[in-house]
Amino acid sequence: MNTQVVCTSIDEVRANVDSIDREIVRLLAKRGGFVKQAARFKKTTDDVKAPQRVEQVITKVRTLAAEVGGNPEVTESVYRAMISAFISAELQEHADLASSR
């Protein structure tokens, strides 16, 4: 499933990576919007941290990575860092919501 573009120069590689980075950042912002909304539905900070959900997501993305020819270890590492950052943001959102009630 890996539809890799074959580049003929480092500039072409970088242009493709830059294009992907723009898409990733756009998708991170979209994901962040849903994470912010999720804080409204969670009653406790333990609900925000949701370690069982984290492991479900990790299992899912490792499988997806393998299916598309990606590296499951890299995917897991990136997702763990991303999830950690989103949990921190969601904890702050959760606290802000709690203090405004």
PDB file of N, CA and C in Angstrom:
ATOM      1  N   MET A   1       0.828  -1.202   0.000  1.00  0.00           N
ATOM      2  CA  MET A   1       0.000   0.000   0.000  1.00  0.00           C
ATOM      3  C   MET A   1       0.862   1.252   0.000  1.00  0.00           C
ATOM      4  N   ASN A   2       2.136   1.094   0.212  1.00  0.00           N
ATOM      5  CA  ASN A   2       3.043   2.227   0.253  1.00  0.00           C
ATOM      6  C   ASN A   2       3.243   2.776  -1.154  1.00  0.00           C
ATOM      7  N   THR A   3       2.702   3.951  -1.423  1.00  0.00           N
ATOM      8  CA  THR A   3       2.812   4.583  -2.733  1.00  0.00           C
ATOM      9  C   THR A   3       3.886   5.663  -2.675  1.00  0.00           C
ATOM     10  N   GLN A   4       5.091   5.222  -2.555  1.00  0.00           N
ATOM     11  CA  GLN A   4       6.242   6.113  -2.400  1.00  0.00           C
ATOM     12  C   GLN A   4       6.578   6.802  -3.717  1.00  0.00           C
ATOM     13  N   VAL A   5       6.788   8.104  -3.670  1.00  0.00           N
ATOM     14  CA  VAL A   5       7.257   8.870  -4.813  1.00  0.00           C
ATOM     15  C   VAL A   5       8.771   8.722  -4.866  1.00  0.00           C
ATOM     16  N   VAL A   6       9.300   8.439  -6.034  1.00  0.00           N
ATOM     17  CA  VAL A   6      10.750   8.332  -6.189  1.00  0.00           C
ATOM     18  C   VAL A   6      11.278   9.707  -6.580  1.00  0.00           C
ATOM     19  N   CYS A   7      12.095  10.270  -5.705  1.00  0.00           N
ATOM     20  CA  CYS A   7      12.640  11.608  -5.920  1.00  0.00           C
ATOM     21  C   CYS A   7      13.983  11.523  -6.621  1.00  0.00           C
ATOM     22  N   THR A   8      14.302  12.582  -7.324  1.00  0.00           N
ATOM     23  CA  THR A   8      15.571  12.618  -8.062  1.00  0.00           C
ATOM     24  C   THR A   8      16.573  13.608  -7.465  1.00  0.00           C
ATOM     25  N   SER A   9      16.180  14.286  -6.367  1.00  0.00           N
ATOM     26  CA  SER A   9      17.101  15.220  -5.718  1.00  0.00           C
ATOM     27  C   SER A   9      16.689  15.412  -4.266  1.00  0.00           C
ATOM     28  N   ILE A  10      17.617  15.895  -3.472  1.00  0.00           N
ATOM     29  CA  ILE A  10      17.312  16.182  -2.066  1.00  0.00           C
ATOM     30  C   ILE A  10      16.272  17.291  -1.962  1.00  0.00           C
ATOM     31  N   ASP A  11      16.305  18.254  -2.895  1.00  0.00           N
ATOM     32  CA  ASP A  11      15.310  19.322  -2.881  1.00  0.00           C
ATOM     33  C   ASP A  11      13.904  18.764  -3.092  1.00  0.00           C
ATOM     34  N   GLU A  12      13.784  17.783  -3.958  1.00  0.00           N
ATOM     35  CA  GLU A  12      12.493  17.156  -4.199  1.00  0.00           C
ATOM     36  C   GLU A  12      12.029  16.381  -2.955  1.00  0.00           C
ATOM     37  N   VAL A  13      12.969  15.696  -2.310  1.00  0.00           N
ATOM     38  CA  VAL A  13      12.642  14.995  -1.060  1.00  0.00           C
ATOM     39  C   VAL A  13      12.128  16.000  -0.042  1.00  0.00           C
ATOM     40  N   ARG A  14      12.846  17.094   0.120  1.00  0.00           N
ATOM     41  CA  ARG A  14      12.469  18.103   1.117  1.00  0.00           C
ATOM     42  C   ARG A  14      11.126  18.743   0.786  1.00  0.00           C
ATOM     43  N   ALA A  15      10.865  19.000  -0.481  1.00  0.00           N
ATOM     44  CA  ALA A  15       9.579  19.587  -0.873  1.00  0.00           C
ATOM     45  C   ALA A  15       8.436  18.630  -0.530  1.00  0.00           C
ATOM     46  N   ASN A  16       8.636  17.349  -0.749  1.00  0.00           N
ATOM     47  CA  ASN A  16       7.609  16.362  -0.411  1.00  0.00           C
ATOM     48  C   ASN A  16       7.425  16.265   1.098  1.00  0.00           C
ATOM     49  N   VAL A  17       8.511  16.271   1.845  1.00  0.00           N
ATOM     50  CA  VAL A  17       8.420  16.231   3.309  1.00  0.00           C
ATOM     51  C   VAL A  17       7.705  17.481   3.824  1.00  0.00           C
ATOM     52  N   ASP A  18       8.036  18.642   3.264  1.00  0.00           N
ATOM     53  CA  ASP A  18       7.373  19.884   3.677  1.00  0.00           C
ATOM     54  C   ASP A  18       5.871  19.829   3.417  1.00  0.00           C
ATOM     55  N   SER A  19       5.479  19.272   2.296  1.00  0.00           N
ATOM     56  CA  SER A  19       4.062  19.133   1.971  1.00  0.00           C
ATOM     57  C   SER A  19       3.359  18.224   2.977  1.00  0.00           C
ATOM     58  N   ILE A  20       3.996  17.128   3.318  1.00  0.00           N
ATOM     59  CA  ILE A  20       3.440  16.202   4.308  1.00  0.00           C
ATOM     60  C   ILE A  20       3.361  16.877   5.668  1.00  0.00           C
ATOM     61  N   ASP A  21       4.390  17.637   6.037  1.00  0.00           N
ATOM     62  CA  ASP A  21       4.372  18.346   7.328  1.00  0.00           C
ATOM     63  C   ASP A  21       3.194  19.303   7.420  1.00  0.00           C
ATOM     64  N   ARG A  22       2.884  20.012   6.339  1.00  0.00           N
ATOM     65  CA  ARG A  22       1.724  20.917   6.348  1.00  0.00           C
ATOM     66  C   ARG A  22       0.443  20.125   6.621  1.00  0.00           C
ATOM     67  N   GLU A  23       0.330  18.971   5.987  1.00  0.00           N
ATOM     68  CA  GLU A  23      -0.858  18.138   6.177  1.00  0.00           C
ATOM     69  C   GLU A  23      -0.921  17.589   7.608  1.00  0.00           C
ATOM     70  N   ILE A  24       0.219  17.154   8.134  1.00  0.00           N
ATOM     71  CA  ILE A  24       0.255  16.629   9.504  1.00  0.00           C
ATOM     72  C   ILE A  24      -0.146  17.713  10.500  1.00  0.00           C
ATOM     73  N   VAL A  25       0.388  18.910  10.355  1.00  0.00           N
ATOM     74  CA  VAL A  25       0.066  20.002  11.283  1.00  0.00           C
ATOM     75  C   VAL A  25      -1.422  20.341  11.203  1.00  0.00           C
ATOM     76  N   ARG A  26      -1.984  20.347  10.003  1.00  0.00           N
ATOM     77  CA  ARG A  26      -3.421  20.598   9.841  1.00  0.00           C
ATOM     78  C   ARG A  26      -4.226  19.517  10.558  1.00  0.00           C
ATOM     79  N   LEU A  27      -3.819  18.264  10.404  1.00  0.00           N
ATOM     80  CA  LEU A  27      -4.526  17.163  11.050  1.00  0.00           C
ATOM     81  C   LEU A  27      -4.350  17.188  12.570  1.00  0.00           C
ATOM     82  N   LEU A  28      -3.173  17.603  13.050  1.00  0.00           N
ATOM     83  CA  LEU A  28      -2.963  17.736  14.491  1.00  0.00           C
ATOM     84  C   LEU A  28      -3.893  18.795  15.074  1.00  0.00           C
ATOM     85  N   ALA A  29      -4.048  19.896  14.360  1.00  0.00           N
ATOM     86  CA  ALA A  29      -4.958  20.948  14.829  1.00  0.00           C
ATOM     87  C   ALA A  29      -6.393  20.415  14.873  1.00  0.00           C
ATOM     88  N   LYS A  30      -6.783  19.661  13.872  1.00  0.00           N
ATOM     89  CA  LYS A  30      -8.128  19.077  13.841  1.00  0.00           C
ATOM     90  C   LYS A  30      -8.305  18.088  14.987  1.00  0.00           C
ATOM     91  N   ARG A  31      -7.300  17.237  15.213  1.00  0.00           N
ATOM     92  CA  ARG A  31      -7.353  16.269  16.316  1.00  0.00           C
ATOM     93  C   ARG A  31      -7.446  17.002  17.654  1.00  0.00           C
ATOM     94  N   GLY A  32      -6.660  18.085  17.777  1.00  0.00           N
ATOM     95  CA  GLY A  32      -6.669  18.880  19.003  1.00  0.00           C
ATOM     96  C   GLY A  32      -8.029  19.470  19.311  1.00  0.00           C
ATOM     97  N   GLY A  33      -8.764  19.844  18.284  1.00  0.00           N
ATOM     98  CA  GLY A  33     -10.115  20.360  18.490  1.00  0.00           C
ATOM     99  C   GLY A  33     -11.032  19.310  19.103  1.00  0.00           C
ATOM    100  N   PHE A  34     -10.876  18.071  18.668  1.00  0.00           N
ATOM    101  CA  PHE A  34     -11.688  16.996  19.240  1.00  0.00           C
ATOM    102  C   PHE A  34     -11.243  16.660  20.655  1.00  0.00           C
ATOM    103  N   VAL A  35      -9.937  16.714  20.903  1.00  0.00           N
ATOM    104  CA  VAL A  35      -9.425  16.475  22.255  1.00  0.00           C
ATOM    105  C   VAL A  35      -9.998  17.522  23.205  1.00  0.00           C
ATOM    106  N   LYS A  36     -10.026  18.761  22.769  1.00  0.00           N
ATOM    107  CA  LYS A  36     -10.582  19.837  23.608  1.00  0.00           C
ATOM    108  C   LYS A  36     -12.051  19.562  23.917  1.00  0.00           C
ATOM    109  N   GLN A  37     -12.798  19.117  22.924  1.00  0.00           N
ATOM    110  CA  GLN A  37     -14.206  18.789  23.154  1.00  0.00           C
ATOM    111  C   GLN A  37     -14.352  17.618  24.127  1.00  0.00           C
ATOM    112  N   ALA A  38     -13.452  16.647  24.033  1.00  0.00           N
ATOM    113  CA  ALA A  38     -13.538  15.458  24.884  1.00  0.00           C
ATOM    114  C   ALA A  38     -13.479  15.826  26.358  1.00  0.00           C
ATOM    115  N   ALA A  39     -12.748  16.876  26.699  1.00  0.00           N
ATOM    116  CA  ALA A  39     -12.616  17.290  28.100  1.00  0.00           C
ATOM    117  C   ALA A  39     -13.971  17.591  28.728  1.00  0.00           C
ATOM    118  N   ARG A  40     -14.923  18.021  27.922  1.00  0.00           N
ATOM    119  CA  ARG A  40     -16.264  18.334  28.449  1.00  0.00           C
ATOM    120  C   ARG A  40     -16.994  17.096  28.943  1.00  0.00           C
ATOM    121  N   PHE A  41     -16.648  15.937  28.416  1.00  0.00           N
ATOM    122  CA  PHE A  41     -17.380  14.702  28.723  1.00  0.00           C
ATOM    123  C   PHE A  41     -16.715  13.862  29.811  1.00  0.00           C
ATOM    124  N   LYS A  42     -15.564  14.280  30.263  1.00  0.00           N
ATOM    125  CA  LYS A  42     -14.813  13.492  31.236  1.00  0.00           C
ATOM    126  C   LYS A  42     -14.943  14.116  32.611  1.00  0.00           C
ATOM    127  N   LYS A  43     -15.270  13.276  33.591  1.00  0.00           N
ATOM    128  CA  LYS A  43     -15.560  13.777  34.938  1.00  0.00           C
ATOM    129  C   LYS A  43     -14.316  13.963  35.805  1.00  0.00           C
ATOM    130  N   THR A  44     -13.290  13.136  35.583  1.00  0.00           N
ATOM    131  CA  THR A  44     -12.099  13.178  36.439  1.00  0.00           C
ATOM    132  C   THR A  44     -10.831  13.256  35.596  1.00  0.00           C
ATOM    133  N   THR A  45      -9.736  13.587  36.258  1.00  0.00           N
ATOM    134  CA  THR A  45      -8.458  13.598  35.542  1.00  0.00           C
ATOM    135  C   THR A  45      -8.058  12.180  35.122  1.00  0.00           C
ATOM    136  N   ASP A  46      -8.483  11.177  35.892  1.00  0.00           N
ATOM    137  CA  ASP A  46      -8.219   9.793  35.470  1.00  0.00           C
ATOM    138  C   ASP A  46      -8.941   9.481  34.163  1.00  0.00           C
ATOM    139  N   ASP A  47     -10.140  10.032  33.995  1.00  0.00           N
ATOM    140  CA  ASP A  47     -10.857   9.857  32.729  1.00  0.00           C
ATOM    141  C   ASP A  47     -10.082  10.502  31.582  1.00  0.00           C
ATOM    142  N   VAL A  48      -9.440  11.623  31.847  1.00  0.00           N
ATOM    143  CA  VAL A  48      -8.642  12.299  30.824  1.00  0.00           C
ATOM    144  C   VAL A  48      -7.423  11.454  30.463  1.00  0.00           C
ATOM    145  N   LYS A  49      -6.756  10.925  31.465  1.00  0.00           N
ATOM    146  CA  LYS A  49      -5.529  10.142  31.216  1.00  0.00           C
ATOM    147  C   LYS A  49      -5.819   8.826  30.509  1.00  0.00           C
ATOM    148  N   ALA A  50      -6.902   8.164  30.853  1.00  0.00           N
ATOM    149  CA  ALA A  50      -7.432   6.966  30.186  1.00  0.00           C
ATOM    150  C   ALA A  50      -6.363   6.027  29.620  1.00  0.00           C
ATOM    151  N   PRO A  51      -5.535   5.431  30.486  1.00  0.00           N
ATOM    152  CA  PRO A  51      -4.448   4.576  29.974  1.00  0.00           C
ATOM    153  C   PRO A  51      -4.927   3.415  29.111  1.00  0.00           C
ATOM    154  N   GLN A  52      -6.101   2.871  29.404  1.00  0.00           N
ATOM    155  CA  GLN A  52      -6.606   1.774  28.583  1.00  0.00           C
ATOM    156  C   GLN A  52      -6.919   2.264  27.170  1.00  0.00           C
ATOM    157  N   ARG A  53      -7.429   3.480  27.042  1.00  0.00           N
ATOM    158  CA  ARG A  53      -7.707   4.049  25.716  1.00  0.00           C
ATOM    159  C   ARG A  53      -6.404   4.321  24.977  1.00  0.00           C
ATOM    160  N   VAL A  54      -5.396   4.795  25.695  1.00  0.00           N
ATOM    161  CA  VAL A  54      -4.099   5.037  25.069  1.00  0.00           C
ATOM    162  C   VAL A  54      -3.584   3.741  24.446  1.00  0.00           C
ATOM    163  N   GLU A  55      -3.665   2.659  25.179  1.00  0.00           N
ATOM    164  CA  GLU A  55      -3.152   1.382  24.659  1.00  0.00           C
ATOM    165  C   GLU A  55      -3.987   0.883  23.475  1.00  0.00           C
ATOM    166  N   GLN A  56      -5.299   1.150  23.494  1.00  0.00           N
ATOM    167  CA  GLN A  56      -6.137   0.795  22.338  1.00  0.00           C
ATOM    168  C   GLN A  56      -5.672   1.546  21.095  1.00  0.00           C
ATOM    169  N   VAL A  57      -5.417   2.834  21.259  1.00  0.00           N
ATOM    170  CA  VAL A  57      -4.969   3.655  20.129  1.00  0.00           C
ATOM    171  C   VAL A  57      -3.617   3.162  19.630  1.00  0.00           C
ATOM    172  N   ILE A  58      -2.706   2.864  20.539  1.00  0.00           N
ATOM    173  CA  ILE A  58      -1.369   2.393  20.140  1.00  0.00           C
ATOM    174  C   ILE A  58      -1.476   1.095  19.349  1.00  0.00           C
ATOM    175  N   THR A  59      -2.269   0.172  19.833  1.00  0.00           N
ATOM    176  CA  THR A  59      -2.458  -1.092  19.116  1.00  0.00           C
ATOM    177  C   THR A  59      -3.012  -0.835  17.716  1.00  0.00           C
ATOM    178  N   LYS A  60      -4.005   0.042  17.642  1.00  0.00           N
ATOM    179  CA  LYS A  60      -4.635   0.359  16.356  1.00  0.00           C
ATOM    180  C   LYS A  60      -3.642   0.978  15.374  1.00  0.00           C
ATOM    181  N   VAL A  61      -2.850   1.956  15.830  1.00  0.00           N
ATOM    182  CA  VAL A  61      -1.958   2.641  14.894  1.00  0.00           C
ATOM    183  C   VAL A  61      -0.760   1.773  14.497  1.00  0.00           C
ATOM    184  N   ARG A  62      -0.331   0.884  15.382  1.00  0.00           N
ATOM    185  CA  ARG A  62       0.729  -0.059  15.005  1.00  0.00           C
ATOM    186  C   ARG A  62       0.238  -0.967  13.874  1.00  0.00           C
ATOM    187  N   THR A  63      -0.990  -1.431  13.996  1.00  0.00           N
ATOM    188  CA  THR A  63      -1.574  -2.274  12.949  1.00  0.00           C
ATOM    189  C   THR A  63      -1.720  -1.492  11.654  1.00  0.00           C
ATOM    190  N   LEU A  64      -2.226  -0.265  11.745  1.00  0.00           N
ATOM    191  CA  LEU A  64      -2.362   0.573  10.551  1.00  0.00           C
ATOM    192  C   LEU A  64      -1.013   0.816   9.886  1.00  0.00           C
ATOM    193  N   ALA A  65       0.008   1.084  10.687  1.00  0.00           N
ATOM    194  CA  ALA A  65       1.343   1.320  10.133  1.00  0.00           C
ATOM    195  C   ALA A  65       1.818   0.110   9.341  1.00  0.00           C
ATOM    196  N   ALA A  66       1.657  -1.066   9.913  1.00  0.00           N
ATOM    197  CA  ALA A  66       2.081  -2.292   9.230  1.00  0.00           C
ATOM    198  C   ALA A  66       1.295  -2.486   7.930  1.00  0.00           C
ATOM    199  N   GLU A  67       0.012  -2.179   7.957  1.00  0.00           N
ATOM    200  CA  GLU A  67      -0.832  -2.350   6.771  1.00  0.00           C
ATOM    201  C   GLU A  67      -0.415  -1.454   5.616  1.00  0.00           C
ATOM    202  N   VAL A  68       0.089  -0.260   5.930  1.00  0.00           N
ATOM    203  CA  VAL A  68       0.446   0.687   4.861  1.00  0.00           C
ATOM    204  C   VAL A  68       1.943   0.722   4.572  1.00  0.00           C
ATOM    205  N   GLY A  69       2.688  -0.203   5.161  1.00  0.00           N
ATOM    206  CA  GLY A  69       4.125  -0.262   4.898  1.00  0.00           C
ATOM    207  C   GLY A  69       4.947   0.675   5.749  1.00  0.00           C
ATOM    208  N   GLY A  70       4.364   1.158   6.836  1.00  0.00           N
ATOM    209  CA  GLY A  70       5.093   2.038   7.748  1.00  0.00           C
ATOM    210  C   GLY A  70       5.835   1.230   8.799  1.00  0.00           C
ATOM    211  N   ASN A  71       6.556   1.928   9.632  1.00  0.00           N
ATOM    212  CA  ASN A  71       7.322   1.306  10.706  1.00  0.00           C
ATOM    213  C   ASN A  71       6.498   1.381  11.992  1.00  0.00           C
ATOM    214  N   PRO A  72       6.003   0.236  12.495  1.00  0.00           N
ATOM    215  CA  PRO A  72       5.172   0.265  13.704  1.00  0.00           C
ATOM    216  C   PRO A  72       5.867   0.868  14.919  1.00  0.00           C
ATOM    217  N   GLU A  73       7.188   0.664  15.048  1.00  0.00           N
ATOM    218  CA  GLU A  73       7.903   1.209  16.202  1.00  0.00           C
ATOM    219  C   GLU A  73       7.964   2.733  16.140  1.00  0.00           C
ATOM    220  N   VAL A  74       8.251   3.267  14.957  1.00  0.00           N
ATOM    221  CA  VAL A  74       8.277   4.724  14.794  1.00  0.00           C
ATOM    222  C   VAL A  74       6.886   5.292  15.025  1.00  0.00           C
ATOM    223  N   THR A  75       5.896   4.645  14.466  1.00  0.00           N
ATOM    224  CA  THR A  75       4.511   5.098  14.635  1.00  0.00           C
ATOM    225  C   THR A  75       4.129   5.118  16.100  1.00  0.00           C
ATOM    226  N   GLU A  76       4.465   4.050  16.825  1.00  0.00           N
ATOM    227  CA  GLU A  76       4.148   4.009  18.251  1.00  0.00           C
ATOM    228  C   GLU A  76       4.850   5.134  19.005  1.00  0.00           C
ATOM    229  N   SER A  77       6.112   5.339  18.724  1.00  0.00           N
ATOM    230  CA  SER A  77       6.869   6.383  19.412  1.00  0.00           C
ATOM    231  C   SER A  77       6.262   7.766  19.161  1.00  0.00           C
ATOM    232  N   VAL A  78       5.928   8.050  17.921  1.00  0.00           N
ATOM    233  CA  VAL A  78       5.330   9.346  17.571  1.00  0.00           C
ATOM    234  C   VAL A  78       3.977   9.500  18.266  1.00  0.00           C
ATOM    235  N   TYR A  79       3.173   8.446  18.226  1.00  0.00           N
ATOM    236  CA  TYR A  79       1.854   8.521  18.851  1.00  0.00           C
ATOM    237  C   TYR A  79       1.939   8.671  20.363  1.00  0.00           C
ATOM    238  N   ARG A  80       2.869   7.985  20.997  1.00  0.00           N
ATOM    239  CA  ARG A  80       2.986   8.131  22.455  1.00  0.00           C
ATOM    240  C   ARG A  80       3.349   9.573  22.823  1.00  0.00           C
ATOM    241  N   ALA A  81       4.252  10.175  22.065  1.00  0.00           N
ATOM    242  CA  ALA A  81       4.616  11.574  22.321  1.00  0.00           C
ATOM    243  C   ALA A  81       3.429  12.496  22.062  1.00  0.00           C
ATOM    244  N   MET A  82       2.721  12.263  20.959  1.00  0.00           N
ATOM    245  CA  MET A  82       1.574  13.097  20.612  1.00  0.00           C
ATOM    246  C   MET A  82       0.468  12.957  21.657  1.00  0.00           C
ATOM    247  N   ILE A  83       0.162  11.725  22.040  1.00  0.00           N
ATOM    248  CA  ILE A  83      -0.893  11.498  23.025  1.00  0.00           C
ATOM    249  C   ILE A  83      -0.526  12.152  24.353  1.00  0.00           C
ATOM    250  N   SER A  84       0.722  12.042  24.757  1.00  0.00           N
ATOM    251  CA  SER A  84       1.164  12.666  25.999  1.00  0.00           C
ATOM    252  C   SER A  84       0.934  14.185  25.959  1.00  0.00           C
ATOM    253  N   ALA A  85       1.289  14.803  24.847  1.00  0.00           N
ATOM    254  CA  ALA A  85       1.093  16.248  24.716  1.00  0.00           C
ATOM    255  C   ALA A  85      -0.386  16.608  24.714  1.00  0.00           C
ATOM    256  N   PHE A  86      -1.195  15.811  24.025  1.00  0.00           N
ATOM    257  CA  PHE A  86      -2.640  16.073  24.015  1.00  0.00           C
ATOM    258  C   PHE A  86      -3.261  15.849  25.386  1.00  0.00           C
ATOM    259  N   ILE A  87      -2.790  14.857  26.128  1.00  0.00           N
ATOM    260  CA  ILE A  87      -3.312  14.645  27.483  1.00  0.00           C
ATOM    261  C   ILE A  87      -3.000  15.855  28.354  1.00  0.00           C
ATOM    262  N   SER A  88      -1.793  16.386  28.247  1.00  0.00           N
ATOM    263  CA  SER A  88      -1.439  17.587  29.015  1.00  0.00           C
ATOM    264  C   SER A  88      -2.369  18.748  28.669  1.00  0.00           C
ATOM    265  N   ALA A  89      -2.627  18.946  27.381  1.00  0.00           N
ATOM    266  CA  ALA A  89      -3.525  20.022  26.958  1.00  0.00           C
ATOM    267  C   ALA A  89      -4.950  19.760  27.444  1.00  0.00           C
ATOM    268  N   GLU A  90      -5.373  18.499  27.370  1.00  0.00           N
ATOM    269  CA  GLU A  90      -6.728  18.168  27.811  1.00  0.00           C
ATOM    270  C   GLU A  90      -6.878  18.313  29.325  1.00  0.00           C
ATOM    271  N   LEU A  91      -5.836  17.976  30.069  1.00  0.00           N
ATOM    272  CA  LEU A  91      -5.886  18.176  31.525  1.00  0.00           C
ATOM    273  C   LEU A  91      -6.066  19.653  31.857  1.00  0.00           C
ATOM    274  N   GLN A  92      -5.369  20.514  31.125  1.00  0.00           N
ATOM    275  CA  GLN A  92      -5.524  21.955  31.340  1.00  0.00           C
ATOM    276  C   GLN A  92      -6.937  22.408  30.990  1.00  0.00           C
ATOM    277  N   GLU A  93      -7.445  21.924  29.869  1.00  0.00           N
ATOM    278  CA  GLU A  93      -8.817  22.264  29.447  1.00  0.00           C
ATOM    279  C   GLU A  93      -9.822  21.758  30.490  1.00  0.00           C
ATOM    280  N   HIS A  94      -9.609  20.552  30.984  1.00  0.00           N
ATOM    281  CA  HIS A  94     -10.485  19.952  31.994  1.00  0.00           C
ATOM    282  C   HIS A  94     -10.476  20.822  33.258  1.00  0.00           C
ATOM    283  N   ALA A  95      -9.289  21.251  33.690  1.00  0.00           N
ATOM    284  CA  ALA A  95      -9.182  22.109  34.880  1.00  0.00           C
ATOM    285  C   ALA A  95      -9.855  23.446  34.662  1.00  0.00           C
ATOM    286  N   ASP A  96      -9.680  24.013  33.466  1.00  0.00           N
ATOM    287  CA  ASP A  96     -10.319  25.298  33.152  1.00  0.00           C
ATOM    288  C   ASP A  96     -11.839  25.167  33.193  1.00  0.00           C
ATOM    289  N   LEU A  97     -12.348  24.080  32.646  1.00  0.00           N
ATOM    290  CA  LEU A  97     -13.790  23.848  32.661  1.00  0.00           C
ATOM    291  C   LEU A  97     -14.312  23.681  34.089  1.00  0.00           C
ATOM    292  N   ALA A  98     -13.559  22.925  34.906  1.00  0.00           N
ATOM    293  CA  ALA A  98     -13.962  22.676  36.296  1.00  0.00           C
ATOM    294  C   ALA A  98     -14.010  23.982  37.091  1.00  0.00           C
ATOM    295  N   SER A  99     -13.051  24.860  36.835  1.00  0.00           N
ATOM    296  CA  SER A  99     -13.002  26.116  37.605  1.00  0.00           C
ATOM    297  C   SER A  99     -14.075  27.094  37.164  1.00  0.00           C
ATOM    298  N   SER A 100     -14.615  26.908  35.972  1.00  0.00           N
ATOM    299  CA  SER A 100     -15.655  27.834  35.497  1.00  0.00           C
ATOM    300  C   SER A 100     -17.069  27.350  35.824  1.00  0.00           C
ATOM    301  N   ARG A 101     -17.156  26.183  36.454  1.00  0.00           N
ATOM    302  CA  ARG A 101     -18.490  25.645  36.817  1.00  0.00           C
ATOM    303  C   ARG A 101     -18.952  26.198  38.132  1.00  0.00           C
TER     304      ARG A 101
END
